[in-house]
Amino acid sequence: MADKFADEIVELADSATPRDAHVIRLRVDSRKWVASKLLPKVYGDRPNEITVNTQVNICQISEADRQALIAKRKELLGFT
């Protein structure tokens, strides 16, 4: 059905005249919207670019604090 709408869009646009262009535009836009909902991977909007942000925080702790954290983790996981 989405492909049928895509074909109709071209036919509609080709048949437009200055007198009925506003009506044809509404018909084209309606078909584009429905096609994008029926087959979003083919006719849907695609983002221009995808941005991936990664952030790594490194902090230094003393050996005593590290051992305390390890002990707390073992306690919480039931390894004590």
PDB file of N, CA and C in Angstrom:
ATOM      1  N   MET A   1       0.825  -1.188   0.000  1.00  0.00           N
ATOM      2  CA  MET A   1       0.000   0.000   0.000  1.00  0.00           C
ATOM      3  C   MET A   1       0.879   1.266   0.000  1.00  0.00           C
ATOM      4  N   ALA A   2       1.948   1.238   0.794  1.00  0.00           N
ATOM      5  CA  ALA A   2       2.839   2.404   0.853  1.00  0.00           C
ATOM      6  C   ALA A   2       3.480   2.670  -0.510  1.00  0.00           C
ATOM      7  N   ASP A   3       3.871   1.604  -1.206  1.00  0.00           N
ATOM      8  CA  ASP A   3       4.459   1.777  -2.537  1.00  0.00           C
ATOM      9  C   ASP A   3       3.434   2.345  -3.520  1.00  0.00           C
ATOM     10  N   LYS A   4       2.187   1.937  -3.366  1.00  0.00           N
ATOM     11  CA  LYS A   4       1.118   2.474  -4.216  1.00  0.00           C
ATOM     12  C   LYS A   4       0.976   3.979  -3.992  1.00  0.00           C
ATOM     13  N   PHE A   5       1.023   4.388  -2.725  1.00  0.00           N
ATOM     14  CA  PHE A   5       0.939   5.817  -2.419  1.00  0.00           C
ATOM     15  C   PHE A   5       2.124   6.567  -3.006  1.00  0.00           C
ATOM     16  N   ALA A   6       3.305   5.979  -2.946  1.00  0.00           N
ATOM     17  CA  ALA A   6       4.497   6.633  -3.507  1.00  0.00           C
ATOM     18  C   ALA A   6       4.335   6.830  -5.014  1.00  0.00           C
ATOM     19  N   ASP A   7       3.811   5.833  -5.681  1.00  0.00           N
ATOM     20  CA  ASP A   7       3.563   5.972  -7.125  1.00  0.00           C
ATOM     21  C   ASP A   7       2.527   7.060  -7.401  1.00  0.00           C
ATOM     22  N   GLU A   8       1.485   7.109  -6.585  1.00  0.00           N
ATOM     23  CA  GLU A   8       0.442   8.122  -6.759  1.00  0.00           C
ATOM     24  C   GLU A   8       0.999   9.531  -6.566  1.00  0.00           C
ATOM     25  N   ILE A   9       1.957   9.667  -5.658  1.00  0.00           N
ATOM     26  CA  ILE A   9       2.539  10.986  -5.387  1.00  0.00           C
ATOM     27  C   ILE A   9       3.159  11.568  -6.655  1.00  0.00           C
ATOM     28  N   VAL A  10       3.889  10.749  -7.387  1.00  0.00           N
ATOM     29  CA  VAL A  10       4.532  11.214  -8.617  1.00  0.00           C
ATOM     30  C   VAL A  10       3.466  11.608  -9.643  1.00  0.00           C
ATOM     31  N   GLU A  11       2.457  10.762  -9.785  1.00  0.00           N
ATOM     32  CA  GLU A  11       1.385  11.069 -10.746  1.00  0.00           C
ATOM     33  C   GLU A  11       0.661  12.367 -10.374  1.00  0.00           C
ATOM     34  N   LEU A  12       0.371  12.522  -9.093  1.00  0.00           N
ATOM     35  CA  LEU A  12      -0.309  13.740  -8.643  1.00  0.00           C
ATOM     36  C   LEU A  12       0.537  14.980  -8.917  1.00  0.00           C
ATOM     37  N   ALA A  13       1.807  14.895  -8.559  1.00  0.00           N
ATOM     38  CA  ALA A  13       2.689  16.053  -8.750  1.00  0.00           C
ATOM     39  C   ALA A  13       2.810  16.417 -10.230  1.00  0.00           C
ATOM     40  N   ASP A  14       2.891  15.408 -11.069  1.00  0.00           N
ATOM     41  CA  ASP A  14       2.994  15.670 -12.513  1.00  0.00           C
ATOM     42  C   ASP A  14       1.723  16.287 -13.082  1.00  0.00           C
ATOM     43  N   SER A  15       0.583  15.999 -12.463  1.00  0.00           N
ATOM     44  CA  SER A  15      -0.689  16.498 -13.003  1.00  0.00           C
ATOM     45  C   SER A  15      -1.083  17.868 -12.434  1.00  0.00           C
ATOM     46  N   ALA A  16      -0.289  18.397 -11.524  1.00  0.00           N
ATOM     47  CA  ALA A  16      -0.652  19.660 -10.874  1.00  0.00           C
ATOM     48  C   ALA A  16      -0.593  20.836 -11.846  1.00  0.00           C
ATOM     49  N   THR A  17      -1.534  21.739 -11.650  1.00  0.00           N
ATOM     50  CA  THR A  17      -1.552  22.987 -12.409  1.00  0.00           C
ATOM     51  C   THR A  17      -1.516  24.128 -11.393  1.00  0.00           C
ATOM     52  N   PRO A  18      -1.180  25.310 -11.804  1.00  0.00           N
ATOM     53  CA  PRO A  18      -1.177  26.424 -10.854  1.00  0.00           C
ATOM     54  C   PRO A  18      -2.543  26.616 -10.180  1.00  0.00           C
ATOM     55  N   ARG A  19      -3.575  26.256 -10.882  1.00  0.00           N
ATOM     56  CA  ARG A  19      -4.921  26.454 -10.344  1.00  0.00           C
ATOM     57  C   ARG A  19      -5.248  25.489  -9.194  1.00  0.00           C
ATOM     58  N   ASP A  20      -4.756  24.245  -9.277  1.00  0.00           N
ATOM     59  CA  ASP A  20      -5.100  23.257  -8.248  1.00  0.00           C
ATOM     60  C   ASP A  20      -3.885  22.787  -7.433  1.00  0.00           C
ATOM     61  N   ALA A  21      -2.786  23.519  -7.488  1.00  0.00           N
ATOM     62  CA  ALA A  21      -1.554  23.102  -6.807  1.00  0.00           C
ATOM     63  C   ALA A  21      -1.753  22.938  -5.302  1.00  0.00           C
ATOM     64  N   HIS A  22      -2.545  23.798  -4.682  1.00  0.00           N
ATOM     65  CA  HIS A  22      -2.752  23.693  -3.229  1.00  0.00           C
ATOM     66  C   HIS A  22      -3.509  22.417  -2.864  1.00  0.00           C
ATOM     67  N   VAL A  23      -4.436  22.000  -3.692  1.00  0.00           N
ATOM     68  CA  VAL A  23      -5.184  20.759  -3.452  1.00  0.00           C
ATOM     69  C   VAL A  23      -4.273  19.552  -3.675  1.00  0.00           C
ATOM     70  N   ILE A  24      -3.491  19.602  -4.743  1.00  0.00           N
ATOM     71  CA  ILE A  24      -2.565  18.505  -5.044  1.00  0.00           C
ATOM     72  C   ILE A  24      -1.531  18.372  -3.929  1.00  0.00           C
ATOM     73  N   ARG A  25      -1.065  19.502  -3.420  1.00  0.00           N
ATOM     74  CA  ARG A  25      -0.076  19.454  -2.332  1.00  0.00           C
ATOM     75  C   ARG A  25      -0.654  18.749  -1.107  1.00  0.00           C
ATOM     76  N   LEU A  26      -1.885  19.027  -0.770  1.00  0.00           N
ATOM     77  CA  LEU A  26      -2.534  18.361   0.364  1.00  0.00           C
ATOM     78  C   LEU A  26      -2.634  16.859   0.116  1.00  0.00           C
ATOM     79  N   ARG A  27      -3.002  16.485  -1.081  1.00  0.00           N
ATOM     80  CA  ARG A  27      -3.108  15.066  -1.416  1.00  0.00           C
ATOM     81  C   ARG A  27      -1.743  14.379  -1.360  1.00  0.00           C
ATOM     82  N   VAL A  28      -0.720  15.043  -1.868  1.00  0.00           N
ATOM     83  CA  VAL A  28       0.641  14.497  -1.828  1.00  0.00           C
ATOM     84  C   VAL A  28       1.114  14.354  -0.388  1.00  0.00           C
ATOM     85  N   ASP A  29       0.943  15.401   0.400  1.00  0.00           N
ATOM     86  CA  ASP A  29       1.392  15.359   1.796  1.00  0.00           C
ATOM     87  C   ASP A  29       0.678  14.267   2.584  1.00  0.00           C
ATOM     88  N   SER A  30      -0.604  14.078   2.325  1.00  0.00           N
ATOM     89  CA  SER A  30      -1.361  13.023   3.014  1.00  0.00           C
ATOM     90  C   SER A  30      -0.811  11.650   2.669  1.00  0.00           C
ATOM     91  N   ARG A  31      -0.528  11.429   1.413  1.00  0.00           N
ATOM     92  CA  ARG A  31       0.015  10.137   0.995  1.00  0.00           C
ATOM     93  C   ARG A  31       1.424   9.918   1.542  1.00  0.00           C
ATOM     94  N   LYS A  32       2.224  10.966   1.574  1.00  0.00           N
ATOM     95  CA  LYS A  32       3.564  10.848   2.155  1.00  0.00           C
ATOM     96  C   LYS A  32       3.482  10.462   3.621  1.00  0.00           C
ATOM     97  N   TRP A  33       2.557  11.074   4.350  1.00  0.00           N
ATOM     98  CA  TRP A  33       2.418  10.787   5.780  1.00  0.00           C
ATOM     99  C   TRP A  33       1.999   9.340   5.998  1.00  0.00           C
ATOM    100  N   VAL A  34       0.996   8.895   5.256  1.00  0.00           N
ATOM    101  CA  VAL A  34       0.526   7.519   5.416  1.00  0.00           C
ATOM    102  C   VAL A  34       1.619   6.529   5.033  1.00  0.00           C
ATOM    103  N   ALA A  35       2.316   6.779   3.947  1.00  0.00           N
ATOM    104  CA  ALA A  35       3.404   5.884   3.533  1.00  0.00           C
ATOM    105  C   ALA A  35       4.493   5.813   4.597  1.00  0.00           C
ATOM    106  N   SER A  36       4.786   6.938   5.238  1.00  0.00           N
ATOM    107  CA  SER A  36       5.819   6.943   6.287  1.00  0.00           C
ATOM    108  C   SER A  36       5.390   6.150   7.510  1.00  0.00           C
ATOM    109  N   LYS A  37       4.096   6.041   7.749  1.00  0.00           N
ATOM    110  CA  LYS A  37       3.602   5.257   8.877  1.00  0.00           C
ATOM    111  C   LYS A  37       3.533   3.770   8.533  1.00  0.00           C
ATOM    112  N   LEU A  38       3.224   3.456   7.271  1.00  0.00           N
ATOM    113  CA  LEU A  38       3.129   2.067   6.852  1.00  0.00           C
ATOM    114  C   LEU A  38       4.502   1.420   6.691  1.00  0.00           C
ATOM    115  N   LEU A  39       5.445   2.147   6.126  1.00  0.00           N
ATOM    116  CA  LEU A  39       6.811   1.643   5.926  1.00  0.00           C
ATOM    117  C   LEU A  39       7.823   2.694   6.383  1.00  0.00           C
ATOM    118  N   PRO A  40       7.991   2.863   7.702  1.00  0.00           N
ATOM    119  CA  PRO A  40       8.866   3.933   8.196  1.00  0.00           C
ATOM    120  C   PRO A  40      10.327   3.787   7.787  1.00  0.00           C
ATOM    121  N   LYS A  41      10.808   2.554   7.612  1.00  0.00           N
ATOM    122  CA  LYS A  41      12.213   2.381   7.226  1.00  0.00           C
ATOM    123  C   LYS A  41      12.464   2.831   5.794  1.00  0.00           C
ATOM    124  N   VAL A  42      11.432   2.783   4.967  1.00  0.00           N
ATOM    125  CA  VAL A  42      11.581   3.169   3.564  1.00  0.00           C
ATOM    126  C   VAL A  42      11.177   4.620   3.350  1.00  0.00           C
ATOM    127  N   TYR A  43      10.013   5.010   3.872  1.00  0.00           N
ATOM    128  CA  TYR A  43       9.454   6.327   3.587  1.00  0.00           C
ATOM    129  C   TYR A  43       9.452   7.281   4.786  1.00  0.00           C
ATOM    130  N   GLY A  44       9.957   6.832   5.927  1.00  0.00           N
ATOM    131  CA  GLY A  44       9.956   7.680   7.115  1.00  0.00           C
ATOM    132  C   GLY A  44      11.088   8.682   7.120  1.00  0.00           C
ATOM    133  N   ASP A  45      11.015   9.608   8.047  1.00  0.00           N
ATOM    134  CA  ASP A  45      12.077  10.601   8.200  1.00  0.00           C
ATOM    135  C   ASP A  45      13.288   9.937   8.811  1.00  0.00           C
ATOM    136  N   ARG A  46      14.439  10.307   8.308  1.00  0.00           N
ATOM    137  CA  ARG A  46      15.688   9.785   8.845  1.00  0.00           C
ATOM    138  C   ARG A  46      16.485  10.953   9.416  1.00  0.00           C
ATOM    139  N   PRO A  47      17.114  10.742  10.564  1.00  0.00           N
ATOM    140  CA  PRO A  47      17.964  11.816  11.084  1.00  0.00           C
ATOM    141  C   PRO A  47      19.161  12.039  10.157  1.00  0.00           C
ATOM    142  N   ASN A  48      19.585  13.284  10.033  1.00  0.00           N
ATOM    143  CA  ASN A  48      20.710  13.603   9.156  1.00  0.00           C
ATOM    144  C   ASN A  48      22.011  13.012   9.662  1.00  0.00           C
ATOM    145  N   GLU A  49      22.155  12.975  10.952  1.00  0.00           N
ATOM    146  CA  GLU A  49      23.354  12.390  11.530  1.00  0.00           C
ATOM    147  C   GLU A  49      23.025  11.871  12.912  1.00  0.00           C
ATOM    148  N   ILE A  50      23.779  10.912  13.331  1.00  0.00           N
ATOM    149  CA  ILE A  50      23.606  10.338  14.659  1.00  0.00           C
ATOM    150  C   ILE A  50      24.836  10.691  15.473  1.00  0.00           C
ATOM    151  N   THR A  51      24.608  11.240  16.637  1.00  0.00           N
ATOM    152  CA  THR A  51      25.705  11.617  17.506  1.00  0.00           C
ATOM    153  C   THR A  51      25.731  10.684  18.716  1.00  0.00           C
ATOM    154  N   VAL A  52      26.876  10.124  18.978  1.00  0.00           N
ATOM    155  CA  VAL A  52      27.041   9.242  20.126  1.00  0.00           C
ATOM    156  C   VAL A  52      28.037   9.914  21.061  1.00  0.00           C
ATOM    157  N   ASN A  53      27.592  10.162  22.270  1.00  0.00           N
ATOM    158  CA  ASN A  53      28.471  10.763  23.266  1.00  0.00           C
ATOM    159  C   ASN A  53      28.914   9.688  24.247  1.00  0.00           C
ATOM    160  N   THR A  54      30.193   9.602  24.456  1.00  0.00           N
ATOM    161  CA  THR A  54      30.714   8.691  25.465  1.00  0.00           C
ATOM    162  C   THR A  54      31.536   9.512  26.439  1.00  0.00           C
ATOM    163  N   GLN A  55      31.419   9.148  27.680  1.00  0.00           N
ATOM    164  CA  GLN A  55      32.152   9.870  28.706  1.00  0.00           C
ATOM    165  C   GLN A  55      32.703   8.855  29.697  1.00  0.00           C
ATOM    166  N   VAL A  56      33.967   8.976  29.978  1.00  0.00           N
ATOM    167  CA  VAL A  56      34.618   8.101  30.938  1.00  0.00           C
ATOM    168  C   VAL A  56      35.205   8.982  32.031  1.00  0.00           C
ATOM    169  N   ASN A  57      34.807   8.696  33.241  1.00  0.00           N
ATOM    170  CA  ASN A  57      35.351   9.434  34.375  1.00  0.00           C
ATOM    171  C   ASN A  57      36.297   8.521  35.142  1.00  0.00           C
ATOM    172  N   ILE A  58      37.488   8.989  35.341  1.00  0.00           N
ATOM    173  CA  ILE A  58      38.479   8.225  36.082  1.00  0.00           C
ATOM    174  C   ILE A  58      38.847   9.029  37.322  1.00  0.00           C
ATOM    175  N   CYS A  59      38.776   8.355  38.428  1.00  0.00           N
ATOM    176  CA  CYS A  59      39.189   9.017  39.663  1.00  0.00           C
ATOM    177  C   CYS A  59      40.157   8.099  40.396  1.00  0.00           C
ATOM    178  N   GLN A  60      41.019   8.692  41.132  1.00  0.00           N
ATOM    179  CA  GLN A  60      41.984   7.911  41.891  1.00  0.00           C
ATOM    180  C   GLN A  60      41.524   7.863  43.344  1.00  0.00           C
ATOM    181  N   ILE A  61      41.596   6.660  43.894  1.00  0.00           N
ATOM    182  CA  ILE A  61      41.269   6.504  45.314  1.00  0.00           C
ATOM    183  C   ILE A  61      42.433   5.798  45.988  1.00  0.00           C
ATOM    184  N   SER A  62      42.485   5.961  47.252  1.00  0.00           N
ATOM    185  CA  SER A  62      43.572   5.325  48.004  1.00  0.00           C
ATOM    186  C   SER A  62      43.354   3.815  48.037  1.00  0.00           C
ATOM    187  N   GLU A  63      44.415   3.089  48.321  1.00  0.00           N
ATOM    188  CA  GLU A  63      44.330   1.631  48.410  1.00  0.00           C
ATOM    189  C   GLU A  63      43.375   1.205  49.520  1.00  0.00           C
ATOM    190  N   ALA A  64      43.365   1.938  50.614  1.00  0.00           N
ATOM    191  CA  ALA A  64      42.466   1.610  51.729  1.00  0.00           C
ATOM    192  C   ALA A  64      41.005   1.775  51.302  1.00  0.00           C
ATOM    193  N   ASP A  65      40.701   2.860  50.580  1.00  0.00           N
ATOM    194  CA  ASP A  65      39.330   3.066  50.094  1.00  0.00           C
ATOM    195  C   ASP A  65      38.940   1.990  49.079  1.00  0.00           C
ATOM    196  N   ARG A  66      39.898   1.592  48.227  1.00  0.00           N
ATOM    197  CA  ARG A  66      39.616   0.552  47.245  1.00  0.00           C
ATOM    198  C   ARG A  66      39.286  -0.768  47.925  1.00  0.00           C
ATOM    199  N   GLN A  67      40.045  -1.104  48.932  1.00  0.00           N
ATOM    200  CA  GLN A  67      39.803  -2.342  49.681  1.00  0.00           C
ATOM    201  C   GLN A  67      38.450  -2.286  50.403  1.00  0.00           C
ATOM    202  N   ALA A  68      38.103  -1.107  50.916  1.00  0.00           N
ATOM    203  CA  ALA A  68      36.817  -0.950  51.591  1.00  0.00           C
ATOM    204  C   ALA A  68      35.661  -1.129  50.606  1.00  0.00           C
ATOM    205  N   LEU A  69      35.815  -0.595  49.409  1.00  0.00           N
ATOM    206  CA  LEU A  69      34.784  -0.769  48.378  1.00  0.00           C
ATOM    207  C   LEU A  69      34.650  -2.232  47.960  1.00  0.00           C
ATOM    208  N   ILE A  70      35.760  -2.922  47.823  1.00  0.00           N
ATOM    209  CA  ILE A  70      35.728  -4.345  47.472  1.00  0.00           C
ATOM    210  C   ILE A  70      35.021  -5.142  48.562  1.00  0.00           C
ATOM    211  N   ALA A  71      35.352  -4.839  49.810  1.00  0.00           N
ATOM    212  CA  ALA A  71      34.723  -5.537  50.933  1.00  0.00           C
ATOM    213  C   ALA A  71      33.220  -5.260  50.965  1.00  0.00           C
ATOM    214  N   LYS A  72      32.815  -4.024  50.724  1.00  0.00           N
ATOM    215  CA  LYS A  72      31.392  -3.657  50.716  1.00  0.00           C
ATOM    216  C   LYS A  72      30.661  -4.379  49.587  1.00  0.00           C
ATOM    217  N   ARG A  73      31.283  -4.446  48.405  1.00  0.00           N
ATOM    218  CA  ARG A  73      30.673  -5.144  47.274  1.00  0.00           C
ATOM    219  C   ARG A  73      30.481  -6.623  47.589  1.00  0.00           C
ATOM    220  N   LYS A  74      31.505  -7.249  48.184  1.00  0.00           N
ATOM    221  CA  LYS A  74      31.400  -8.662  48.557  1.00  0.00           C
ATOM    222  C   LYS A  74      30.290  -8.859  49.576  1.00  0.00           C
ATOM    223  N   GLU A  75      30.176  -7.942  50.501  1.00  0.00           N
ATOM    224  CA  GLU A  75      29.134  -8.018  51.538  1.00  0.00           C
ATOM    225  C   GLU A  75      27.731  -7.918  50.897  1.00  0.00           C
ATOM    226  N   LEU A  76      27.581  -6.970  49.981  1.00  0.00           N
ATOM    227  CA  LEU A  76      26.291  -6.790  49.337  1.00  0.00           C
ATOM    228  C   LEU A  76      25.920  -7.962  48.426  1.00  0.00           C
ATOM    229  N   LEU A  77      26.924  -8.593  47.823  1.00  0.00           N
ATOM    230  CA  LEU A  77      26.665  -9.727  46.952  1.00  0.00           C
ATOM    231  C   LEU A  77      26.598 -11.048  47.706  1.00  0.00           C
ATOM    232  N   GLY A  78      26.847 -11.006  48.995  1.00  0.00           N
ATOM    233  CA  GLY A  78      26.734 -12.193  49.812  1.00  0.00           C
ATOM    234  C   GLY A  78      27.949 -13.101  49.788  1.00  0.00           C
ATOM    235  N   PHE A  79      29.121 -12.535  49.525  1.00  0.00           N
ATOM    236  CA  PHE A  79      30.334 -13.328  49.477  1.00  0.00           C
ATOM    237  C   PHE A  79      31.122 -13.304  50.786  1.00  0.00           C
ATOM    238  N   THR A  80      30.573 -12.748  51.825  1.00  0.00           N
ATOM    239  CA  THR A  80      31.320 -12.686  53.090  1.00  0.00           C
ATOM    240  C   THR A  80      31.085 -13.866  53.953  1.00  0.00           C
TER     241      THR A  80
END
